[in-house]
Amino acid sequence: MLILSRKVNEKIMIGDDISVSIIEVRGDQVRIGVDAPKKVKVFRQEVFDAIKAENKAAAESAPVFPELDFGGASREPL
């Protein structure tokens, strides 16, 4: 892990197109801004973890298929 010190209005660059700016420091809270292309998804860790858990649960659940009704006509096998 890279650990950096920054002051308000200073930035950290990630690659060529992602920047993290220090917006405000108040007590033990730091407000940051992330500037990234729309194709890059940016989440808080707890939101990211919740999304992963939901995706895992969905992948592990059995698919549910509704009963199909074709107008009550039964078909004889050929």
PDB file of N, CA and C in Angstrom:
ATOM      1  N   MET A   1       0.852  -1.173   0.000  1.00  0.00           N
ATOM      2  CA  MET A   1       0.000   0.000   0.000  1.00  0.00           C
ATOM      3  C   MET A   1       0.899   1.237   0.000  1.00  0.00           C
ATOM      4  N   LEU A   2       0.589   2.155  -0.866  1.00  0.00           N
ATOM      5  CA  LEU A   2       1.280   3.429  -0.921  1.00  0.00           C
ATOM      6  C   LEU A   2       0.580   4.396   0.022  1.00  0.00           C
ATOM      7  N   ILE A   3       1.319   5.037   0.916  1.00  0.00           N
ATOM      8  CA  ILE A   3       0.751   6.008   1.854  1.00  0.00           C
ATOM      9  C   ILE A   3       1.328   7.372   1.520  1.00  0.00           C
ATOM     10  N   LEU A   4       0.446   8.344   1.294  1.00  0.00           N
ATOM     11  CA  LEU A   4       0.852   9.692   0.918  1.00  0.00           C
ATOM     12  C   LEU A   4       0.243  10.713   1.867  1.00  0.00           C
ATOM     13  N   SER A   5       0.921  11.799   2.062  1.00  0.00           N
ATOM     14  CA  SER A   5       0.368  12.933   2.814  1.00  0.00           C
ATOM     15  C   SER A   5      -0.019  14.010   1.808  1.00  0.00           C
ATOM     16  N   ARG A   6      -1.199  14.579   1.975  1.00  0.00           N
ATOM     17  CA  ARG A   6      -1.676  15.646   1.109  1.00  0.00           C
ATOM     18  C   ARG A   6      -2.347  16.698   1.966  1.00  0.00           C
ATOM     19  N   LYS A   7      -2.382  17.915   1.470  1.00  0.00           N
ATOM     20  CA  LYS A   7      -3.076  19.015   2.133  1.00  0.00           C
ATOM     21  C   LYS A   7      -4.302  19.376   1.313  1.00  0.00           C
ATOM     22  N   VAL A   8      -5.172  20.204   1.893  1.00  0.00           N
ATOM     23  CA  VAL A   8      -6.370  20.651   1.196  1.00  0.00           C
ATOM     24  C   VAL A   8      -5.978  21.266  -0.149  1.00  0.00           C
ATOM     25  N   ASN A   9      -6.745  20.918  -1.175  1.00  0.00           N
ATOM     26  CA  ASN A   9      -6.568  21.357  -2.562  1.00  0.00           C
ATOM     27  C   ASN A   9      -5.402  20.682  -3.273  1.00  0.00           C
ATOM     28  N   GLU A  10      -4.756  19.716  -2.656  1.00  0.00           N
ATOM     29  CA  GLU A  10      -3.724  18.948  -3.344  1.00  0.00           C
ATOM     30  C   GLU A  10      -4.352  17.677  -3.898  1.00  0.00           C
ATOM     31  N   LYS A  11      -3.722  17.116  -4.923  1.00  0.00           N
ATOM     32  CA  LYS A  11      -4.279  15.961  -5.620  1.00  0.00           C
ATOM     33  C   LYS A  11      -3.310  14.796  -5.635  1.00  0.00           C
ATOM     34  N   ILE A  12      -3.886  13.638  -5.902  1.00  0.00           N
ATOM     35  CA  ILE A  12      -3.143  12.414  -6.177  1.00  0.00           C
ATOM     36  C   ILE A  12      -3.625  11.936  -7.538  1.00  0.00           C
ATOM     37  N   MET A  13      -2.710  11.611  -8.425  1.00  0.00           N
ATOM     38  CA  MET A  13      -3.074  11.108  -9.748  1.00  0.00           C
ATOM     39  C   MET A  13      -2.931   9.596  -9.778  1.00  0.00           C
ATOM     40  N   ILE A  14      -3.918   8.937 -10.385  1.00  0.00           N
ATOM     41  CA  ILE A  14      -3.884   7.499 -10.614  1.00  0.00           C
ATOM     42  C   ILE A  14      -3.938   7.312 -12.120  1.00  0.00           C
ATOM     43  N   GLY A  15      -2.840   6.892 -12.684  1.00  0.00           N
ATOM     44  CA  GLY A  15      -2.756   6.808 -14.139  1.00  0.00           C
ATOM     45  C   GLY A  15      -2.837   8.209 -14.729  1.00  0.00           C
ATOM     46  N   ASP A  16      -3.303   8.284 -15.963  1.00  0.00           N
ATOM     47  CA  ASP A  16      -3.393   9.569 -16.660  1.00  0.00           C
ATOM     48  C   ASP A  16      -4.726  10.273 -16.490  1.00  0.00           C
ATOM     49  N   ASP A  17      -5.778   9.533 -16.060  1.00  0.00           N
ATOM     50  CA  ASP A  17      -7.104  10.133 -16.125  1.00  0.00           C
ATOM     51  C   ASP A  17      -7.932  10.045 -14.849  1.00  0.00           C
ATOM     52  N   ILE A  18      -7.321   9.678 -13.724  1.00  0.00           N
ATOM     53  CA  ILE A  18      -8.048   9.642 -12.455  1.00  0.00           C
ATOM     54  C   ILE A  18      -7.301  10.489 -11.446  1.00  0.00           C
ATOM     55  N   SER A  19      -8.021  11.431 -10.836  1.00  0.00           N
ATOM     56  CA  SER A  19      -7.399  12.244  -9.792  1.00  0.00           C
ATOM     57  C   SER A  19      -8.246  12.197  -8.528  1.00  0.00           C
ATOM     58  N   VAL A  20      -7.570  12.208  -7.398  1.00  0.00           N
ATOM     59  CA  VAL A  20      -8.211  12.239  -6.092  1.00  0.00           C
ATOM     60  C   VAL A  20      -7.773  13.536  -5.432  1.00  0.00           C
ATOM     61  N   SER A  21      -8.749  14.394  -5.097  1.00  0.00           N
ATOM     62  CA  SER A  21      -8.454  15.701  -4.508  1.00  0.00           C
ATOM     63  C   SER A  21      -8.870  15.728  -3.047  1.00  0.00           C
ATOM     64  N   ILE A  22      -8.079  16.365  -2.222  1.00  0.00           N
ATOM     65  CA  ILE A  22      -8.442  16.586  -0.829  1.00  0.00           C
ATOM     66  C   ILE A  22      -9.266  17.869  -0.800  1.00  0.00           C
ATOM     67  N   ILE A  23     -10.524  17.765  -0.415  1.00  0.00           N
ATOM     68  CA  ILE A  23     -11.444  18.895  -0.430  1.00  0.00           C
ATOM     69  C   ILE A  23     -11.453  19.611   0.919  1.00  0.00           C
ATOM     70  N   GLU A  24     -11.509  18.826   1.992  1.00  0.00           N
ATOM     71  CA  GLU A  24     -11.633  19.431   3.322  1.00  0.00           C
ATOM     72  C   GLU A  24     -11.160  18.433   4.375  1.00  0.00           C
ATOM     73  N   VAL A  25     -10.536  18.953   5.413  1.00  0.00           N
ATOM     74  CA  VAL A  25     -10.170  18.144   6.569  1.00  0.00           C
ATOM     75  C   VAL A  25     -10.819  18.806   7.771  1.00  0.00           C
ATOM     76  N   ARG A  26     -11.655  18.022   8.469  1.00  0.00           N
ATOM     77  CA  ARG A  26     -12.364  18.550   9.635  1.00  0.00           C
ATOM     78  C   ARG A  26     -12.323  17.488  10.727  1.00  0.00           C
ATOM     79  N   GLY A  27     -11.497  17.701  11.736  1.00  0.00           N
ATOM     80  CA  GLY A  27     -11.353  16.715  12.803  1.00  0.00           C
ATOM     81  C   GLY A  27     -10.786  15.430  12.238  1.00  0.00           C
ATOM     82  N   ASP A  28     -11.497  14.327  12.465  1.00  0.00           N
ATOM     83  CA  ASP A  28     -11.029  13.036  11.959  1.00  0.00           C
ATOM     84  C   ASP A  28     -11.682  12.649  10.631  1.00  0.00           C
ATOM     85  N   GLN A  29     -12.329  13.608   9.983  1.00  0.00           N
ATOM     86  CA  GLN A  29     -12.949  13.343   8.678  1.00  0.00           C
ATOM     87  C   GLN A  29     -12.204  14.078   7.578  1.00  0.00           C
ATOM     88  N   VAL A  30     -12.078  13.395   6.461  1.00  0.00           N
ATOM     89  CA  VAL A  30     -11.457  13.986   5.275  1.00  0.00           C
ATOM     90  C   VAL A  30     -12.451  13.859   4.131  1.00  0.00           C
ATOM     91  N   ARG A  31     -12.756  14.965   3.488  1.00  0.00           N
ATOM     92  CA  ARG A  31     -13.621  14.934   2.300  1.00  0.00           C
ATOM     93  C   ARG A  31     -12.716  14.906   1.089  1.00  0.00           C
ATOM     94  N   ILE A  32     -12.981  13.945   0.211  1.00  0.00           N
ATOM     95  CA  ILE A  32     -12.173  13.829  -0.996  1.00  0.00           C
ATOM     96  C   ILE A  32     -13.075  13.894  -2.216  1.00  0.00           C
ATOM     97  N   GLY A  33     -12.496  14.287  -3.320  1.00  0.00           N
ATOM     98  CA  GLY A  33     -13.199  14.277  -4.594  1.00  0.00           C
ATOM     99  C   GLY A  33     -12.459  13.357  -5.549  1.00  0.00           C
ATOM    100  N   VAL A  34     -13.204  12.584  -6.309  1.00  0.00           N
ATOM    101  CA  VAL A  34     -12.615  11.669  -7.281  1.00  0.00           C
ATOM    102  C   VAL A  34     -13.086  12.091  -8.657  1.00  0.00           C
ATOM    103  N   ASP A  35     -12.142  12.354  -9.531  1.00  0.00           N
ATOM    104  CA  ASP A  35     -12.443  12.716 -10.912  1.00  0.00           C
ATOM    105  C   ASP A  35     -11.955  11.575 -11.791  1.00  0.00           C
ATOM    106  N   ALA A  36     -12.896  10.855 -12.397  1.00  0.00           N
ATOM    107  CA  ALA A  36     -12.558   9.685 -13.209  1.00  0.00           C
ATOM    108  C   ALA A  36     -13.495   9.622 -14.407  1.00  0.00           C
ATOM    109  N   PRO A  37     -13.076   8.947 -15.473  1.00  0.00           N
ATOM    110  CA  PRO A  37     -13.963   8.774 -16.632  1.00  0.00           C
ATOM    111  C   PRO A  37     -15.233   8.028 -16.221  1.00  0.00           C
ATOM    112  N   LYS A  38     -16.316   8.257 -16.950  1.00  0.00           N
ATOM    113  CA  LYS A  38     -17.597   7.610 -16.639  1.00  0.00           C
ATOM    114  C   LYS A  38     -17.502   6.088 -16.669  1.00  0.00           C
ATOM    115  N   LYS A  39     -16.607   5.547 -17.478  1.00  0.00           N
ATOM    116  CA  LYS A  39     -16.484   4.088 -17.570  1.00  0.00           C
ATOM    117  C   LYS A  39     -15.859   3.477 -16.312  1.00  0.00           C
ATOM    118  N   VAL A  40     -15.242   4.288 -15.466  1.00  0.00           N
ATOM    119  CA  VAL A  40     -14.629   3.802 -14.231  1.00  0.00           C
ATOM    120  C   VAL A  40     -15.641   3.964 -13.101  1.00  0.00           C
ATOM    121  N   LYS A  41     -15.999   2.854 -12.477  1.00  0.00           N
ATOM    122  CA  LYS A  41     -16.964   2.896 -11.377  1.00  0.00           C
ATOM    123  C   LYS A  41     -16.217   3.185 -10.083  1.00  0.00           C
ATOM    124  N   VAL A  42     -16.736   4.137  -9.324  1.00  0.00           N
ATOM    125  CA  VAL A  42     -16.124   4.529  -8.062  1.00  0.00           C
ATOM    126  C   VAL A  42     -17.165   4.361  -6.963  1.00  0.00           C
ATOM    127  N   PHE A  43     -16.844   3.552  -5.939  1.00  0.00           N
ATOM    128  CA  PHE A  43     -17.768   3.280  -4.845  1.00  0.00           C
ATOM    129  C   PHE A  43     -17.049   3.435  -3.510  1.00  0.00           C
ATOM    130  N   ARG A  44     -17.816   3.771  -2.471  1.00  0.00           N
ATOM    131  CA  ARG A  44     -17.299   3.645  -1.111  1.00  0.00           C
ATOM    132  C   ARG A  44     -17.160   2.151  -0.831  1.00  0.00           C
ATOM    133  N   GLN A  45     -16.227   1.778   0.027  1.00  0.00           N
ATOM    134  CA  GLN A  45     -15.951   0.363   0.292  1.00  0.00           C
ATOM    135  C   GLN A  45     -17.197  -0.390   0.735  1.00  0.00           C
ATOM    136  N   GLU A  46     -18.005   0.202   1.644  1.00  0.00           N
ATOM    137  CA  GLU A  46     -19.170  -0.517   2.150  1.00  0.00           C
ATOM    138  C   GLU A  46     -20.221  -0.728   1.057  1.00  0.00           C
ATOM    139  N   VAL A  47     -20.336   0.187   0.128  1.00  0.00           N
ATOM    140  CA  VAL A  47     -21.268   0.023  -0.996  1.00  0.00           C
ATOM    141  C   VAL A  47     -20.739  -1.059  -1.941  1.00  0.00           C
ATOM    142  N   PHE A  48     -19.451  -1.033  -2.210  1.00  0.00           N
ATOM    143  CA  PHE A  48     -18.825  -2.036  -3.067  1.00  0.00           C
ATOM    144  C   PHE A  48     -19.015  -3.439  -2.491  1.00  0.00           C
ATOM    145  N   ASP A  49     -18.800  -3.579  -1.169  1.00  0.00           N
ATOM    146  CA  ASP A  49     -18.982  -4.880  -0.511  1.00  0.00           C
ATOM    147  C   ASP A  49     -20.434  -5.354  -0.610  1.00  0.00           C
ATOM    148  N   ALA A  50     -21.394  -4.440  -0.453  1.00  0.00           N
ATOM    149  CA  ALA A  50     -22.807  -4.808  -0.544  1.00  0.00           C
ATOM    150  C   ALA A  50     -23.154  -5.260  -1.962  1.00  0.00           C
ATOM    151  N   ILE A  51     -22.633  -4.597  -2.959  1.00  0.00           N
ATOM    152  CA  ILE A  51     -22.887  -4.973  -4.357  1.00  0.00           C
ATOM    153  C   ILE A  51     -22.321  -6.370  -4.626  1.00  0.00           C
ATOM    154  N   LYS A  52     -21.093  -6.616  -4.156  1.00  0.00           N
ATOM    155  CA  LYS A  52     -20.488  -7.937  -4.342  1.00  0.00           C
ATOM    156  C   LYS A  52     -21.306  -9.022  -3.665  1.00  0.00           C
ATOM    157  N   ALA A  53     -21.794  -8.756  -2.449  1.00  0.00           N
ATOM    158  CA  ALA A  53     -22.592  -9.749  -1.723  1.00  0.00           C
ATOM    159  C   ALA A  53     -23.903 -10.028  -2.455  1.00  0.00           C
ATOM    160  N   GLU A  54     -24.560  -8.999  -2.971  1.00  0.00           N
ATOM    161  CA  GLU A  54     -25.806  -9.186  -3.719  1.00  0.00           C
ATOM    162  C   GLU A  54     -25.560  -9.978  -5.000  1.00  0.00           C
ATOM    163  N   ASN A  55     -24.478  -9.667  -5.694  1.00  0.00           N
ATOM    164  CA  ASN A  55     -24.158 -10.394  -6.927  1.00  0.00           C
ATOM    165  C   ASN A  55     -23.874 -11.862  -6.631  1.00  0.00           C
ATOM    166  N   LYS A  56     -23.144 -12.122  -5.540  1.00  0.00           N
ATOM    167  CA  LYS A  56     -22.840 -13.508  -5.169  1.00  0.00           C
ATOM    168  C   LYS A  56     -24.116 -14.263  -4.815  1.00  0.00           C
ATOM    169  N   ALA A  57     -24.987 -13.623  -4.037  1.00  0.00           N
ATOM    170  CA  ALA A  57     -26.247 -14.268  -3.652  1.00  0.00           C
ATOM    171  C   ALA A  57     -27.100 -14.560  -4.882  1.00  0.00           C
ATOM    172  N   ALA A  58     -27.143 -13.642  -5.827  1.00  0.00           N
ATOM    173  CA  ALA A  58     -27.935 -13.844  -7.041  1.00  0.00           C
ATOM    174  C   ALA A  58     -27.365 -14.989  -7.872  1.00  0.00           C
ATOM    175  N   ALA A  59     -26.051 -15.087  -7.941  1.00  0.00           N
ATOM    176  CA  ALA A  59     -25.416 -16.138  -8.733  1.00  0.00           C
ATOM    177  C   ALA A  59     -25.635 -17.515  -8.102  1.00  0.00           C
ATOM    178  N   GLU A  60     -25.749 -17.560  -6.771  1.00  0.00           N
ATOM    179  CA  GLU A  60     -25.900 -18.839  -6.079  1.00  0.00           C
ATOM    180  C   GLU A  60     -27.350 -19.298  -5.971  1.00  0.00           C
ATOM    181  N   SER A  61     -28.303 -18.397  -6.190  1.00  0.00           N
ATOM    182  CA  SER A  61     -29.711 -18.773  -6.056  1.00  0.00           C
ATOM    183  C   SER A  61     -30.166 -19.556  -7.289  1.00  0.00           C
ATOM    184  N   ALA A  62     -31.128 -20.448  -7.067  1.00  0.00           N
ATOM    185  CA  ALA A  62     -31.672 -21.245  -8.169  1.00  0.00           C
ATOM    186  C   ALA A  62     -32.567 -20.353  -9.018  1.00  0.00           C
ATOM    187  N   PRO A  63     -32.471 -20.462 -10.327  1.00  0.00           N
ATOM    188  CA  PRO A  63     -33.349 -19.661 -11.178  1.00  0.00           C
ATOM    189  C   PRO A  63     -34.809 -20.081 -11.004  1.00  0.00           C
ATOM    190  N   VAL A  64     -35.687 -19.121 -11.054  1.00  0.00           N
ATOM    191  CA  VAL A  64     -37.121 -19.385 -10.924  1.00  0.00           C
ATOM    192  C   VAL A  64     -37.763 -19.092 -12.274  1.00  0.00           C
ATOM    193  N   PHE A  65     -38.403 -20.119 -12.843  1.00  0.00           N
ATOM    194  CA  PHE A  65     -39.067 -19.952 -14.127  1.00  0.00           C
ATOM    195  C   PHE A  65     -40.566 -20.029 -13.905  1.00  0.00           C
ATOM    196  N   PRO A  66     -41.306 -19.058 -14.379  1.00  0.00           N
ATOM    197  CA  PRO A  66     -42.766 -19.105 -14.210  1.00  0.00           C
ATOM    198  C   PRO A  66     -43.370 -20.214 -15.063  1.00  0.00           C
ATOM    199  N   GLU A  67     -44.509 -20.731 -14.603  1.00  0.00           N
ATOM    200  CA  GLU A  67     -45.231 -21.717 -15.397  1.00  0.00           C
ATOM    201  C   GLU A  67     -45.781 -21.016 -16.635  1.00  0.00           C
ATOM    202  N   LEU A  68     -45.626 -21.614 -17.760  1.00  0.00           N
ATOM    203  CA  LEU A  68     -46.104 -21.025 -19.002  1.00  0.00           C
ATOM    204  C   LEU A  68     -47.465 -21.614 -19.360  1.00  0.00           C
ATOM    205  N   ASP A  69     -48.398 -20.762 -19.732  1.00  0.00           N
ATOM    206  CA  ASP A  69     -49.737 -21.198 -20.120  1.00  0.00           C
ATOM    207  C   ASP A  69     -49.924 -20.854 -21.589  1.00  0.00           C
ATOM    208  N   PHE A  70     -50.089 -21.880 -22.412  1.00  0.00           N
ATOM    209  CA  PHE A  70     -50.259 -21.661 -23.840  1.00  0.00           C
ATOM    210  C   PHE A  70     -51.725 -21.775 -24.241  1.00  0.00           C
ATOM    211  N   GLY A  71     -52.610 -21.238 -23.453  1.00  0.00           N
ATOM    212  CA  GLY A  71     -54.028 -21.218 -23.787  1.00  0.00           C
ATOM    213  C   GLY A  71     -54.760 -22.499 -23.469  1.00  0.00           C
ATOM    214  N   GLY A  72     -54.189 -23.361 -22.671  1.00  0.00           N
ATOM    215  CA  GLY A  72     -54.865 -24.571 -22.242  1.00  0.00           C
ATOM    216  C   GLY A  72     -54.843 -25.695 -23.254  1.00  0.00           C
ATOM    217  N   ALA A  73     -54.330 -25.511 -24.425  1.00  0.00           N
ATOM    218  CA  ALA A  73     -54.306 -26.574 -25.441  1.00  0.00           C
ATOM    219  C   ALA A  73     -53.176 -27.521 -25.118  1.00  0.00           C
ATOM    220  N   SER A  74     -53.513 -28.790 -24.973  1.00  0.00           N
ATOM    221  CA  SER A  74     -52.454 -29.773 -24.743  1.00  0.00           C
ATOM    222  C   SER A  74     -51.971 -30.281 -26.080  1.00  0.00           C
ATOM    223  N   ARG A  75     -50.720 -30.608 -26.138  1.00  0.00           N
ATOM    224  CA  ARG A  75     -50.148 -31.097 -27.379  1.00  0.00           C
ATOM    225  C   ARG A  75     -49.725 -32.538 -27.182  1.00  0.00           C
ATOM    226  N   GLU A  76     -50.091 -33.343 -28.137  1.00  0.00           N
ATOM    227  CA  GLU A  76     -49.690 -34.739 -28.105  1.00  0.00           C
ATOM    228  C   GLU A  76     -48.248 -34.824 -28.607  1.00  0.00           C
ATOM    229  N   PRO A  77     -47.469 -35.703 -28.010  1.00  0.00           N
ATOM    230  CA  PRO A  77     -46.099 -35.881 -28.508  1.00  0.00           C
ATOM    231  C   PRO A  77     -46.120 -36.430 -29.920  1.00  0.00           C
ATOM    232  N   LEU A  78     -45.162 -36.072 -30.718  1.00  0.00           N
ATOM    233  CA  LEU A  78     -45.078 -36.543 -32.116  1.00  0.00           C
ATOM    234  C   LEU A  78     -44.534 -37.931 -32.192  1.00  0.00           C
TER     235      LEU A  78
END
